[in-house]
PDB file of N, CA and C in Angstrom:
ATOM      1  N   MET A   1      15.033  22.059 -49.735  1.00  0.00           N
ATOM      2  CA  MET A   1      13.968  21.099 -49.833  1.00  0.00           C
ATOM      3  C   MET A   1      13.385  20.882 -48.437  1.00  0.00           C
ATOM      4  N   SER A   2      12.105  20.839 -48.316  1.00  0.00           N
ATOM      5  CA  SER A   2      11.398  20.704 -47.058  1.00  0.00           C
ATOM      6  C   SER A   2      10.969  19.254 -46.855  1.00  0.00           C
ATOM      7  N   ASN A   3      11.008  18.812 -45.627  1.00  0.00           N
ATOM      8  CA  ASN A   3      10.574  17.463 -45.291  1.00  0.00           C
ATOM      9  C   ASN A   3       9.133  17.442 -44.816  1.00  0.00           C
ATOM     10  N   GLN A   4       8.439  18.517 -45.010  1.00  0.00           N
ATOM     11  CA  GLN A   4       7.064  18.611 -44.548  1.00  0.00           C
ATOM     12  C   GLN A   4       6.198  17.617 -45.310  1.00  0.00           C
ATOM     13  N   GLY A   5       5.404  16.845 -44.582  1.00  0.00           N
ATOM     14  CA  GLY A   5       4.521  15.878 -45.220  1.00  0.00           C
ATOM     15  C   GLY A   5       5.181  14.542 -45.506  1.00  0.00           C
ATOM     16  N   ASN A   6       6.448  14.366 -45.128  1.00  0.00           N
ATOM     17  CA  ASN A   6       7.145  13.113 -45.385  1.00  0.00           C
ATOM     18  C   ASN A   6       7.234  12.237 -44.134  1.00  0.00           C
ATOM     19  N   SER A   7       6.309  12.387 -43.229  1.00  0.00           N
ATOM     20  CA  SER A   7       6.328  11.611 -42.001  1.00  0.00           C
ATOM     21  C   SER A   7       5.914  10.176 -42.284  1.00  0.00           C
ATOM     22  N   HIS A   8       6.553   9.243 -41.615  1.00  0.00           N
ATOM     23  CA  HIS A   8       6.223   7.833 -41.769  1.00  0.00           C
ATOM     24  C   HIS A   8       5.322   7.348 -40.642  1.00  0.00           C
ATOM     25  N   VAL A   9       4.811   8.285 -39.851  1.00  0.00           N
ATOM     26  CA  VAL A   9       3.990   7.931 -38.705  1.00  0.00           C
ATOM     27  C   VAL A   9       2.571   7.615 -39.132  1.00  0.00           C
ATOM     28  N   GLY A  10       2.049   8.306 -40.083  1.00  0.00           N
ATOM     29  CA  GLY A  10       0.681   8.086 -40.535  1.00  0.00           C
ATOM     30  C   GLY A  10       0.366   9.040 -41.664  1.00  0.00           C
ATOM     31  N   ALA A  11      -0.812   8.931 -42.161  1.00  0.00           N
ATOM     32  CA  ALA A  11      -1.216   9.816 -43.248  1.00  0.00           C
ATOM     33  C   ALA A  11      -1.324  11.245 -42.734  1.00  0.00           C
ATOM     34  N   GLY A  12      -0.941  12.186 -43.551  1.00  0.00           N
ATOM     35  CA  GLY A  12      -0.969  13.589 -43.153  1.00  0.00           C
ATOM     36  C   GLY A  12      -2.367  14.103 -42.909  1.00  0.00           C
ATOM     37  N   GLY A  13      -3.349  13.541 -43.561  1.00  0.00           N
ATOM     38  CA  GLY A  13      -4.715  13.996 -43.383  1.00  0.00           C
ATOM     39  C   GLY A  13      -5.295  13.671 -42.015  1.00  0.00           C
ATOM     40  N   LEU A  14      -4.663  12.776 -41.285  1.00  0.00           N
ATOM     41  CA  LEU A  14      -5.166  12.430 -39.957  1.00  0.00           C
ATOM     42  C   LEU A  14      -5.064  13.583 -38.975  1.00  0.00           C
ATOM     43  N   TYR A  15      -4.078  14.433 -39.162  1.00  0.00           N
ATOM     44  CA  TYR A  15      -3.815  15.479 -38.186  1.00  0.00           C
ATOM     45  C   TYR A  15      -4.302  16.841 -38.657  1.00  0.00           C
ATOM     46  N   GLU A  16      -5.025  16.901 -39.737  1.00  0.00           N
ATOM     47  CA  GLU A  16      -5.485  18.174 -40.262  1.00  0.00           C
ATOM     48  C   GLU A  16      -6.541  18.815 -39.376  1.00  0.00           C
ATOM     49  N   ALA A  17      -7.326  18.030 -38.670  1.00  0.00           N
ATOM     50  CA  ALA A  17      -8.391  18.579 -37.843  1.00  0.00           C
ATOM     51  C   ALA A  17      -7.883  18.941 -36.457  1.00  0.00           C
ATOM     52  N   GLN A  18      -6.608  19.061 -36.293  1.00  0.00           N
ATOM     53  CA  GLN A  18      -5.956  19.426 -35.038  1.00  0.00           C
ATOM     54  C   GLN A  18      -6.316  18.455 -33.916  1.00  0.00           C
ATOM     55  N   ASP A  19      -6.279  17.158 -34.217  1.00  0.00           N
ATOM     56  CA  ASP A  19      -6.558  16.157 -33.201  1.00  0.00           C
ATOM     57  C   ASP A  19      -5.486  16.158 -32.109  1.00  0.00           C
ATOM     58  N   GLN A  20      -4.295  16.532 -32.471  1.00  0.00           N
ATOM     59  CA  GLN A  20      -3.199  16.564 -31.504  1.00  0.00           C
ATOM     60  C   GLN A  20      -2.913  18.002 -31.090  1.00  0.00           C
ATOM     61  N   ARG A  21      -3.899  18.624 -30.537  1.00  0.00           N
ATOM     62  CA  ARG A  21      -3.742  20.019 -30.128  1.00  0.00           C
ATOM     63  C   ARG A  21      -2.902  20.111 -28.870  1.00  0.00           C
ATOM     64  N   ARG A  22      -2.185  21.164 -28.762  1.00  0.00           N
ATOM     65  CA  ARG A  22      -1.380  21.440 -27.578  1.00  0.00           C
ATOM     66  C   ARG A  22      -2.173  22.418 -26.711  1.00  0.00           C
ATOM     67  N   HIS A  23      -2.503  22.008 -25.489  1.00  0.00           N
ATOM     68  CA  HIS A  23      -3.238  22.863 -24.576  1.00  0.00           C
ATOM     69  C   HIS A  23      -2.249  23.557 -23.649  1.00  0.00           C
ATOM     70  N   SER A  24      -2.547  24.788 -23.335  1.00  0.00           N
ATOM     71  CA  SER A  24      -1.663  25.515 -22.430  1.00  0.00           C
ATOM     72  C   SER A  24      -1.854  25.011 -21.003  1.00  0.00           C
ATOM     73  N   GLN A  25      -0.872  25.256 -20.160  1.00  0.00           N
ATOM     74  CA  GLN A  25      -0.919  24.808 -18.768  1.00  0.00           C
ATOM     75  C   GLN A  25      -2.078  25.471 -18.034  1.00  0.00           C
ATOM     76  N   THR A  26      -2.366  26.733 -18.354  1.00  0.00           N
ATOM     77  CA  THR A  26      -3.476  27.417 -17.682  1.00  0.00           C
ATOM     78  C   THR A  26      -4.817  26.791 -18.051  1.00  0.00           C
ATOM     79  N   ASP A  27      -4.976  26.336 -19.308  1.00  0.00           N
ATOM     80  CA  ASP A  27      -6.217  25.662 -19.700  1.00  0.00           C
ATOM     81  C   ASP A  27      -6.397  24.361 -18.923  1.00  0.00           C
ATOM     82  N   VAL A  28      -5.316  23.614 -18.762  1.00  0.00           N
ATOM     83  CA  VAL A  28      -5.381  22.350 -18.033  1.00  0.00           C
ATOM     84  C   VAL A  28      -5.711  22.606 -16.561  1.00  0.00           C
ATOM     85  N   GLU A  29      -5.082  23.609 -15.961  1.00  0.00           N
ATOM     86  CA  GLU A  29      -5.349  23.936 -14.562  1.00  0.00           C
ATOM     87  C   GLU A  29      -6.788  24.419 -14.378  1.00  0.00           C
ATOM     88  N   GLU A  30      -7.299  25.169 -15.329  1.00  0.00           N
ATOM     89  CA  GLU A  30      -8.689  25.632 -15.276  1.00  0.00           C
ATOM     90  C   GLU A  30      -9.654  24.456 -15.348  1.00  0.00           C
ATOM     91  N   LEU A  31      -9.386  23.508 -16.217  1.00  0.00           N
ATOM     92  CA  LEU A  31     -10.222  22.319 -16.342  1.00  0.00           C
ATOM     93  C   LEU A  31     -10.170  21.483 -15.059  1.00  0.00           C
ATOM     94  N   THR A  32      -9.001  21.397 -14.453  1.00  0.00           N
ATOM     95  CA  THR A  32      -8.858  20.671 -13.191  1.00  0.00           C
ATOM     96  C   THR A  32      -9.686  21.339 -12.099  1.00  0.00           C
ATOM     97  N   ARG A  33      -9.620  22.651 -12.030  1.00  0.00           N
ATOM     98  CA  ARG A  33     -10.357  23.378 -11.006  1.00  0.00           C
ATOM     99  C   ARG A  33     -11.867  23.256 -11.214  1.00  0.00           C
ATOM    100  N   GLN A  34     -12.320  23.320 -12.462  1.00  0.00           N
ATOM    101  CA  GLN A  34     -13.752  23.252 -12.751  1.00  0.00           C
ATOM    102  C   GLN A  34     -14.320  21.858 -12.516  1.00  0.00           C
ATOM    103  N   SER A  35     -13.604  20.839 -12.945  1.00  0.00           N
ATOM    104  CA  SER A  35     -14.144  19.482 -12.861  1.00  0.00           C
ATOM    105  C   SER A  35     -13.927  18.846 -11.496  1.00  0.00           C
ATOM    106  N   GLY A  36     -12.913  19.267 -10.770  1.00  0.00           N
ATOM    107  CA  GLY A  36     -12.623  18.673  -9.474  1.00  0.00           C
ATOM    108  C   GLY A  36     -11.857  17.369  -9.571  1.00  0.00           C
ATOM    109  N   THR A  37     -11.497  16.941 -10.764  1.00  0.00           N
ATOM    110  CA  THR A  37     -10.710  15.720 -10.941  1.00  0.00           C
ATOM    111  C   THR A  37      -9.334  16.076 -11.457  1.00  0.00           C
ATOM    112  N   ASN A  38      -8.422  15.147 -11.311  1.00  0.00           N
ATOM    113  CA  ASN A  38      -7.054  15.361 -11.755  1.00  0.00           C
ATOM    114  C   ASN A  38      -6.962  14.986 -13.231  1.00  0.00           C
ATOM    115  N   VAL A  39      -7.027  15.971 -14.098  1.00  0.00           N
ATOM    116  CA  VAL A  39      -6.954  15.701 -15.529  1.00  0.00           C
ATOM    117  C   VAL A  39      -5.513  15.688 -16.025  1.00  0.00           C
ATOM    118  N   MET A  40      -4.580  16.045 -15.155  1.00  0.00           N
ATOM    119  CA  MET A  40      -3.182  16.062 -15.569  1.00  0.00           C
ATOM    120  C   MET A  40      -2.579  14.663 -15.560  1.00  0.00           C
ATOM    121  N   GLY A  41      -3.162  13.727 -14.813  1.00  0.00           N
ATOM    122  CA  GLY A  41      -2.707  12.354 -14.845  1.00  0.00           C
ATOM    123  C   GLY A  41      -1.550  12.036 -13.934  1.00  0.00           C
ATOM    124  N   PHE A  42      -1.194  12.932 -13.045  1.00  0.00           N
ATOM    125  CA  PHE A  42      -0.116  12.642 -12.112  1.00  0.00           C
ATOM    126  C   PHE A  42      -0.371  13.389 -10.818  1.00  0.00           C
ATOM    127  N   MET A  43       0.296  12.931  -9.751  1.00  0.00           N
ATOM    128  CA  MET A  43       0.180  13.605  -8.467  1.00  0.00           C
ATOM    129  C   MET A  43       1.283  14.647  -8.366  1.00  0.00           C
ATOM    130  N   PRO A  44       1.002  15.721  -7.683  1.00  0.00           N
ATOM    131  CA  PRO A  44       2.078  16.682  -7.429  1.00  0.00           C
ATOM    132  C   PRO A  44       3.203  16.019  -6.634  1.00  0.00           C
ATOM    133  N   LYS A  45       4.400  16.518  -6.781  1.00  0.00           N
ATOM    134  CA  LYS A  45       5.567  15.882  -6.157  1.00  0.00           C
ATOM    135  C   LYS A  45       5.433  15.763  -4.647  1.00  0.00           C
ATOM    136  N   ASP A  46       4.973  16.812  -3.996  1.00  0.00           N
ATOM    137  CA  ASP A  46       4.880  16.766  -2.542  1.00  0.00           C
ATOM    138  C   ASP A  46       3.799  15.788  -2.084  1.00  0.00           C
ATOM    139  N   GLN A  47       2.722  15.651  -2.829  1.00  0.00           N
ATOM    140  CA  GLN A  47       1.662  14.726  -2.453  1.00  0.00           C
ATOM    141  C   GLN A  47       2.135  13.276  -2.610  1.00  0.00           C
ATOM    142  N   ALA A  48       2.843  12.985  -3.677  1.00  0.00           N
ATOM    143  CA  ALA A  48       3.346  11.625  -3.888  1.00  0.00           C
ATOM    144  C   ALA A  48       4.330  11.254  -2.786  1.00  0.00           C
ATOM    145  N   GLY A  49       5.181  12.173  -2.398  1.00  0.00           N
ATOM    146  CA  GLY A  49       6.129  11.905  -1.323  1.00  0.00           C
ATOM    147  C   GLY A  49       5.438  11.635  -0.004  1.00  0.00           C
ATOM    148  N   GLU A  50       4.371  12.377   0.268  1.00  0.00           N
ATOM    149  CA  GLU A  50       3.619  12.188   1.508  1.00  0.00           C
ATOM    150  C   GLU A  50       2.935  10.830   1.522  1.00  0.00           C
ATOM    151  N   VAL A  51       2.352  10.436   0.397  1.00  0.00           N
ATOM    152  CA  VAL A  51       1.694   9.135   0.301  1.00  0.00           C
ATOM    153  C   VAL A  51       2.719   8.016   0.517  1.00  0.00           C
ATOM    154  N   ASN A  52       3.873   8.125  -0.101  1.00  0.00           N
ATOM    155  CA  ASN A  52       4.921   7.113   0.067  1.00  0.00           C
ATOM    156  C   ASN A  52       5.411   7.047   1.507  1.00  0.00           C
ATOM    157  N   ARG A  53       5.557   8.203   2.147  1.00  0.00           N
ATOM    158  CA  ARG A  53       6.024   8.245   3.531  1.00  0.00           C
ATOM    159  C   ARG A  53       5.009   7.558   4.451  1.00  0.00           C
ATOM    160  N   LEU A  54       3.718   7.868   4.264  1.00  0.00           N
ATOM    161  CA  LEU A  54       2.677   7.243   5.091  1.00  0.00           C
ATOM    162  C   LEU A  54       2.616   5.738   4.860  1.00  0.00           C
ATOM    163  N   HIS A  55       2.805   5.311   3.621  1.00  0.00           N
ATOM    164  CA  HIS A  55       2.793   3.881   3.300  1.00  0.00           C
ATOM    165  C   HIS A  55       3.959   3.165   3.990  1.00  0.00           C
ATOM    166  N   MET A  56       5.129   3.756   3.960  1.00  0.00           N
ATOM    167  CA  MET A  56       6.297   3.143   4.604  1.00  0.00           C
ATOM    168  C   MET A  56       6.121   3.090   6.121  1.00  0.00           C
ATOM    169  N   GLU A  57       5.522   4.138   6.711  1.00  0.00           N
ATOM    170  CA  GLU A  57       5.273   4.122   8.155  1.00  0.00           C
ATOM    171  C   GLU A  57       4.308   3.004   8.517  1.00  0.00           C
ATOM    172  N   GLU A  58       3.288   2.793   7.701  1.00  0.00           N
ATOM    173  CA  GLU A  58       2.320   1.726   7.951  1.00  0.00           C
ATOM    174  C   GLU A  58       2.991   0.359   7.865  1.00  0.00           C
ATOM    175  N   ILE A  59       3.847   0.159   6.885  1.00  0.00           N
ATOM    176  CA  ILE A  59       4.567  -1.108   6.744  1.00  0.00           C
ATOM    177  C   ILE A  59       5.469  -1.354   7.959  1.00  0.00           C
ATOM    178  N   GLN A  60       6.193  -0.328   8.387  1.00  0.00           N
ATOM    179  CA  GLN A  60       7.081  -0.482   9.543  1.00  0.00           C
ATOM    180  C   GLN A  60       6.293  -0.752  10.814  1.00  0.00           C
ATOM    181  N   ARG A  61       5.121  -0.125  10.962  1.00  0.00           N
ATOM    182  CA  ARG A  61       4.286  -0.345  12.135  1.00  0.00           C
ATOM    183  C   ARG A  61       3.777  -1.786  12.167  1.00  0.00           C
ATOM    184  N   ARG A  62       3.347  -2.296  11.015  1.00  0.00           N
ATOM    185  CA  ARG A  62       2.864  -3.683  10.943  1.00  0.00           C
ATOM    186  C   ARG A  62       3.980  -4.683  11.255  1.00  0.00           C
ATOM    187  N   GLN A  63       5.180  -4.427  10.730  1.00  0.00           N
ATOM    188  CA  GLN A  63       6.295  -5.338  10.988  1.00  0.00           C
ATOM    189  C   GLN A  63       6.682  -5.320  12.460  1.00  0.00           C
ATOM    190  N   ALA A  64       6.664  -4.150  13.082  1.00  0.00           N
ATOM    191  CA  ALA A  64       6.985  -4.070  14.506  1.00  0.00           C
ATOM    192  C   ALA A  64       5.943  -4.819  15.328  1.00  0.00           C
ATOM    193  N   GLN A  65       4.671  -4.708  14.938  1.00  0.00           N
ATOM    194  CA  GLN A  65       3.617  -5.426  15.647  1.00  0.00           C
ATOM    195  C   GLN A  65       3.772  -6.942  15.474  1.00  0.00           C
ATOM    196  N   LYS A  66       4.134  -7.389  14.273  1.00  0.00           N
ATOM    197  CA  LYS A  66       4.345  -8.826  14.042  1.00  0.00           C
ATOM    198  C   LYS A  66       5.521  -9.334  14.859  1.00  0.00           C
ATOM    199  N   MET A  67       6.568  -8.524  14.995  1.00  0.00           N
ATOM    200  CA  MET A  67       7.727  -8.951  15.785  1.00  0.00           C
ATOM    201  C   MET A  67       7.357  -9.114  17.249  1.00  0.00           C
ATOM    202  N   LYS A  68       6.423  -8.269  17.734  1.00  0.00           N
ATOM    203  CA  LYS A  68       5.980  -8.398  19.117  1.00  0.00           C
ATOM    204  C   LYS A  68       5.094  -9.631  19.293  1.00  0.00           C
ATOM    205  N   ASP A  69       4.202  -9.858  18.328  1.00  0.00           N
ATOM    206  CA  ASP A  69       3.203 -10.916  18.458  1.00  0.00           C
ATOM    207  C   ASP A  69       3.743 -12.314  18.155  1.00  0.00           C
ATOM    208  N   ASP A  70       4.651 -12.418  17.212  1.00  0.00           N
ATOM    209  CA  ASP A  70       5.120 -13.737  16.772  1.00  0.00           C
ATOM    210  C   ASP A  70       6.632 -13.832  16.929  1.00  0.00           C
ATOM    211  N   PRO A  71       7.112 -14.629  17.880  1.00  0.00           N
ATOM    212  CA  PRO A  71       8.560 -14.731  18.089  1.00  0.00           C
ATOM    213  C   PRO A  71       9.301 -15.367  16.914  1.00  0.00           C
ATOM    214  N   THR A  72       8.603 -16.119  16.070  1.00  0.00           N
ATOM    215  CA  THR A  72       9.269 -16.770  14.941  1.00  0.00           C
ATOM    216  C   THR A  72       9.319 -15.880  13.698  1.00  0.00           C
ATOM    217  N   TYR A  73       8.651 -14.728  13.729  1.00  0.00           N
ATOM    218  CA  TYR A  73       8.557 -13.873  12.546  1.00  0.00           C
ATOM    219  C   TYR A  73       9.905 -13.367  12.034  1.00  0.00           C
ATOM    220  N   PRO A  74      10.813 -12.872  12.898  1.00  0.00           N
ATOM    221  CA  PRO A  74      12.078 -12.349  12.357  1.00  0.00           C
ATOM    222  C   PRO A  74      12.859 -13.373  11.540  1.00  0.00           C
ATOM    223  N   ALA A  75      12.913 -14.613  12.023  1.00  0.00           N
ATOM    224  CA  ALA A  75      13.658 -15.638  11.283  1.00  0.00           C
ATOM    225  C   ALA A  75      12.953 -15.987   9.975  1.00  0.00           C
ATOM    226  N   MET A  76      11.639 -16.140  10.049  1.00  0.00           N
ATOM    227  CA  MET A  76      10.885 -16.504   8.845  1.00  0.00           C
ATOM    228  C   MET A  76      10.899 -15.367   7.819  1.00  0.00           C
ATOM    229  N   ARG A  77      10.966 -14.148   8.285  1.00  0.00           N
ATOM    230  CA  ARG A  77      11.016 -12.989   7.386  1.00  0.00           C
ATOM    231  C   ARG A  77      12.280 -13.010   6.529  1.00  0.00           C
ATOM    232  N   HIS A  78      13.342 -13.521   7.106  1.00  0.00           N
ATOM    233  CA  HIS A  78      14.608 -13.604   6.377  1.00  0.00           C
ATOM    234  C   HIS A  78      14.803 -14.944   5.686  1.00  0.00           C
ATOM    235  N   GLY A  79      13.776 -15.792   5.722  1.00  0.00           N
ATOM    236  CA  GLY A  79      13.841 -17.064   5.019  1.00  0.00           C
ATOM    237  C   GLY A  79      14.546 -18.164   5.786  1.00  0.00           C
ATOM    238  N   ASN A  80      14.686 -18.000   7.098  1.00  0.00           N
ATOM    239  CA  ASN A  80      15.368 -18.999   7.914  1.00  0.00           C
ATOM    240  C   ASN A  80      14.367 -19.769   8.765  1.00  0.00           C
ATOM    241  N   LYS A  81      14.805 -20.907   9.237  1.00  0.00           N
ATOM    242  CA  LYS A  81      13.991 -21.692  10.152  1.00  0.00           C
ATOM    243  C   LYS A  81      14.146 -21.082  11.550  1.00  0.00           C
ATOM    244  N   PRO A  82      13.012 -20.869  12.266  1.00  0.00           N
ATOM    245  CA  PRO A  82      13.116 -20.299  13.617  1.00  0.00           C
ATOM    246  C   PRO A  82      13.864 -21.245  14.559  1.00  0.00           C
ATOM    247  N   ASN A  83      14.571 -20.663  15.506  1.00  0.00           N
ATOM    248  CA  ASN A  83      15.321 -21.505  16.440  1.00  0.00           C
ATOM    249  C   ASN A  83      14.371 -22.127  17.465  1.00  0.00           C
ATOM    250  N   LYS A  84      14.895 -23.054  18.253  1.00  0.00           N
ATOM    251  CA  LYS A  84      14.081 -23.826  19.180  1.00  0.00           C
ATOM    252  C   LYS A  84      13.441 -22.932  20.247  1.00  0.00           C
ATOM    253  N   GLY A  85      14.191 -21.954  20.716  1.00  0.00           N
ATOM    254  CA  GLY A  85      13.662 -21.044  21.735  1.00  0.00           C
ATOM    255  C   GLY A  85      12.483 -20.243  21.226  1.00  0.00           C
ATOM    256  N   ALA A  86      12.547 -19.770  19.981  1.00  0.00           N
ATOM    257  CA  ALA A  86      11.442 -19.001  19.404  1.00  0.00           C
ATOM    258  C   ALA A  86      10.206 -19.876  19.215  1.00  0.00           C
ATOM    259  N   ILE A  87      10.436 -21.131  18.841  1.00  0.00           N
ATOM    260  CA  ILE A  87       9.303 -22.054  18.656  1.00  0.00           C
ATOM    261  C   ILE A  87       8.637 -22.332  20.003  1.00  0.00           C
ATOM    262  N   ILE A  88       9.445 -22.529  21.052  1.00  0.00           N
ATOM    263  CA  ILE A  88       8.888 -22.765  22.387  1.00  0.00           C
ATOM    264  C   ILE A  88       8.130 -21.532  22.873  1.00  0.00           C
ATOM    265  N   ASP A  89       8.711 -20.345  22.634  1.00  0.00           N
ATOM    266  CA  ASP A  89       8.026 -19.106  23.019  1.00  0.00           C
ATOM    267  C   ASP A  89       6.668 -18.980  22.334  1.00  0.00           C
ATOM    268  N   LYS A  90       6.606 -19.351  21.072  1.00  0.00           N
ATOM    269  CA  LYS A  90       5.340 -19.267  20.340  1.00  0.00           C
ATOM    270  C   LYS A  90       4.325 -20.248  20.922  1.00  0.00           C
ATOM    271  N   GLU A  91       4.761 -21.470  21.251  1.00  0.00           N
ATOM    272  CA  GLU A  91       3.854 -22.450  21.846  1.00  0.00           C
ATOM    273  C   GLU A  91       3.324 -21.968  23.190  1.00  0.00           C
ATOM    274  N   LEU A  92       4.211 -21.394  24.024  1.00  0.00           N
ATOM    275  CA  LEU A  92       3.787 -20.868  25.320  1.00  0.00           C
ATOM    276  C   LEU A  92       2.795 -19.712  25.152  1.00  0.00           C
ATOM    277  N   GLN A  93       3.067 -18.878  24.178  1.00  0.00           N
ATOM    278  CA  GLN A  93       2.183 -17.755  23.908  1.00  0.00           C
ATOM    279  C   GLN A  93       0.798 -18.245  23.482  1.00  0.00           C
ATOM    280  N   GLU A  94       0.747 -19.268  22.637  1.00  0.00           N
ATOM    281  CA  GLU A  94      -0.529 -19.822  22.199  1.00  0.00           C
ATOM    282  C   GLU A  94      -1.274 -20.464  23.365  1.00  0.00           C
ATOM    283  N   GLU A  95      -0.547 -21.148  24.272  1.00  0.00           N
ATOM    284  CA  GLU A  95      -1.183 -21.735  25.450  1.00  0.00           C
ATOM    285  C   GLU A  95      -1.761 -20.649  26.353  1.00  0.00           C
ATOM    286  N   ASP A  96      -1.003 -19.561  26.541  1.00  0.00           N
ATOM    287  CA  ASP A  96      -1.494 -18.455  27.371  1.00  0.00           C
ATOM    288  C   ASP A  96      -2.750 -17.832  26.770  1.00  0.00           C
ATOM    289  N   GLU A  97      -2.758 -17.646  25.459  1.00  0.00           N
ATOM    290  CA  GLU A  97      -3.932 -17.072  24.805  1.00  0.00           C
ATOM    291  C   GLU A  97      -5.143 -17.990  24.944  1.00  0.00           C
ATOM    292  N   ALA A  98      -4.928 -19.313  24.841  1.00  0.00           N
ATOM    293  CA  ALA A  98      -6.032 -20.262  24.998  1.00  0.00           C
ATOM    294  C   ALA A  98      -6.562 -20.218  26.426  1.00  0.00           C
ATOM    295  N   MET A  99      -5.661 -20.108  27.396  1.00  0.00           N
ATOM    296  CA  MET A  99      -6.083 -20.047  28.793  1.00  0.00           C
ATOM    297  C   MET A  99      -6.876 -18.768  29.069  1.00  0.00           C
ATOM    298  N   LEU A 100      -6.409 -17.646  28.529  1.00  0.00           N
ATOM    299  CA  LEU A 100      -7.133 -16.387  28.703  1.00  0.00           C
ATOM    300  C   LEU A 100      -8.504 -16.442  28.036  1.00  0.00           C
ATOM    301  N   GLN A 101      -8.579 -17.041  26.890  1.00  0.00           N
ATOM    302  CA  GLN A 101      -9.857 -17.185  26.190  1.00  0.00           C
ATOM    303  C   GLN A 101     -10.811 -18.040  27.015  1.00  0.00           C
ATOM    304  N   LYS A 102     -10.303 -19.069  27.623  1.00  0.00           N
ATOM    305  CA  LYS A 102     -11.131 -19.945  28.457  1.00  0.00           C
ATOM    306  C   LYS A 102     -11.633 -19.184  29.682  1.00  0.00           C
ATOM    307  N   LYS A 103     -10.773 -18.372  30.286  1.00  0.00           N
ATOM    308  CA  LYS A 103     -11.183 -17.577  31.441  1.00  0.00           C
ATOM    309  C   LYS A 103     -12.239 -16.544  31.061  1.00  0.00           C
ATOM    310  N   ARG A 104     -12.107 -15.955  29.913  1.00  0.00           N
ATOM    311  CA  ARG A 104     -13.079 -14.949  29.463  1.00  0.00           C
ATOM    312  C   ARG A 104     -14.451 -15.559  29.202  1.00  0.00           C
ATOM    313  N   SER A 105     -14.466 -16.813  28.783  1.00  0.00           N
ATOM    314  CA  SER A 105     -15.745 -17.446  28.482  1.00  0.00           C
ATOM    315  C   SER A 105     -16.503 -17.833  29.746  1.00  0.00           C
ATOM    316  N   GLY A 106     -15.844 -17.883  30.894  1.00  0.00           N
ATOM    317  CA  GLY A 106     -16.511 -18.163  32.154  1.00  0.00           C
ATOM    318  C   GLY A 106     -16.448 -19.613  32.557  1.00  0.00           C
ATOM    319  N   ASP A 107     -15.773 -20.452  31.835  1.00  0.00           N
ATOM    320  CA  ASP A 107     -15.685 -21.866  32.165  1.00  0.00           C
ATOM    321  C   ASP A 107     -14.571 -22.166  33.157  1.00  0.00           C
ATOM    322  N   SER A 108     -13.861 -21.156  33.635  1.00  0.00           N
ATOM    323  CA  SER A 108     -12.722 -21.408  34.477  1.00  0.00           C
ATOM    324  C   SER A 108     -13.120 -21.813  35.897  1.00  0.00           C
ATOM    325  N   MET A 109     -14.346 -21.494  36.310  1.00  0.00           N
ATOM    326  CA  MET A 109     -14.795 -21.835  37.662  1.00  0.00           C
ATOM    327  C   MET A 109     -16.037 -22.711  37.570  1.00  0.00           C
ATOM    328  N   PRO A 110     -15.864 -24.008  37.317  1.00  0.00           N
ATOM    329  CA  PRO A 110     -17.031 -24.871  37.132  1.00  0.00           C
ATOM    330  C   PRO A 110     -17.849 -25.087  38.406  1.00  0.00           C
ATOM    331  N   GLY A 111     -17.235 -25.013  39.587  1.00  0.00           N
ATOM    332  CA  GLY A 111     -17.952 -25.255  40.833  1.00  0.00           C
ATOM    333  C   GLY A 111     -18.715 -24.051  41.338  1.00  0.00           C
ATOM    334  N   LYS A 112     -18.359 -22.880  40.877  1.00  0.00           N
ATOM    335  CA  LYS A 112     -18.988 -21.665  41.384  1.00  0.00           C
ATOM    336  C   LYS A 112     -20.254 -21.377  40.580  1.00  0.00           C
ATOM    337  N   LYS A 113     -21.346 -21.163  41.295  1.00  0.00           N
ATOM    338  CA  LYS A 113     -22.619 -20.858  40.621  1.00  0.00           C
ATOM    339  C   LYS A 113     -23.148 -19.553  41.171  1.00  0.00           C
ATOM    340  N   PHE A 114     -23.790 -18.832  40.333  1.00  0.00           N
ATOM    341  CA  PHE A 114     -24.364 -17.551  40.757  1.00  0.00           C
ATOM    342  C   PHE A 114     -25.829 -17.664  41.011  1.00  0.00           C
TER     343      PHE A 114
END
């Protein structure tokens, strides 16, 4: 006895027009080459690995830059309250930046005129 036609997925007439055709790999590759788009729906393994590697390098670069710029970042990154020394360092850093900004604007020498 054959189980053909006893599927509980849907009516058998739905698939008579070959709606669920199986395309060969060469047909898919040909369509990809002709259209210029990725019709396969996934990235090749080596490309995905490269994208992930570049993303991780970017994240590590940003974190290293934050550690240089903000003394309180390492503690806050781990969910801790920054220690007193880190808070003082941040305040001093902000004061230095404000002083440099003031010097760049030209207001640092009020008595000197050109």
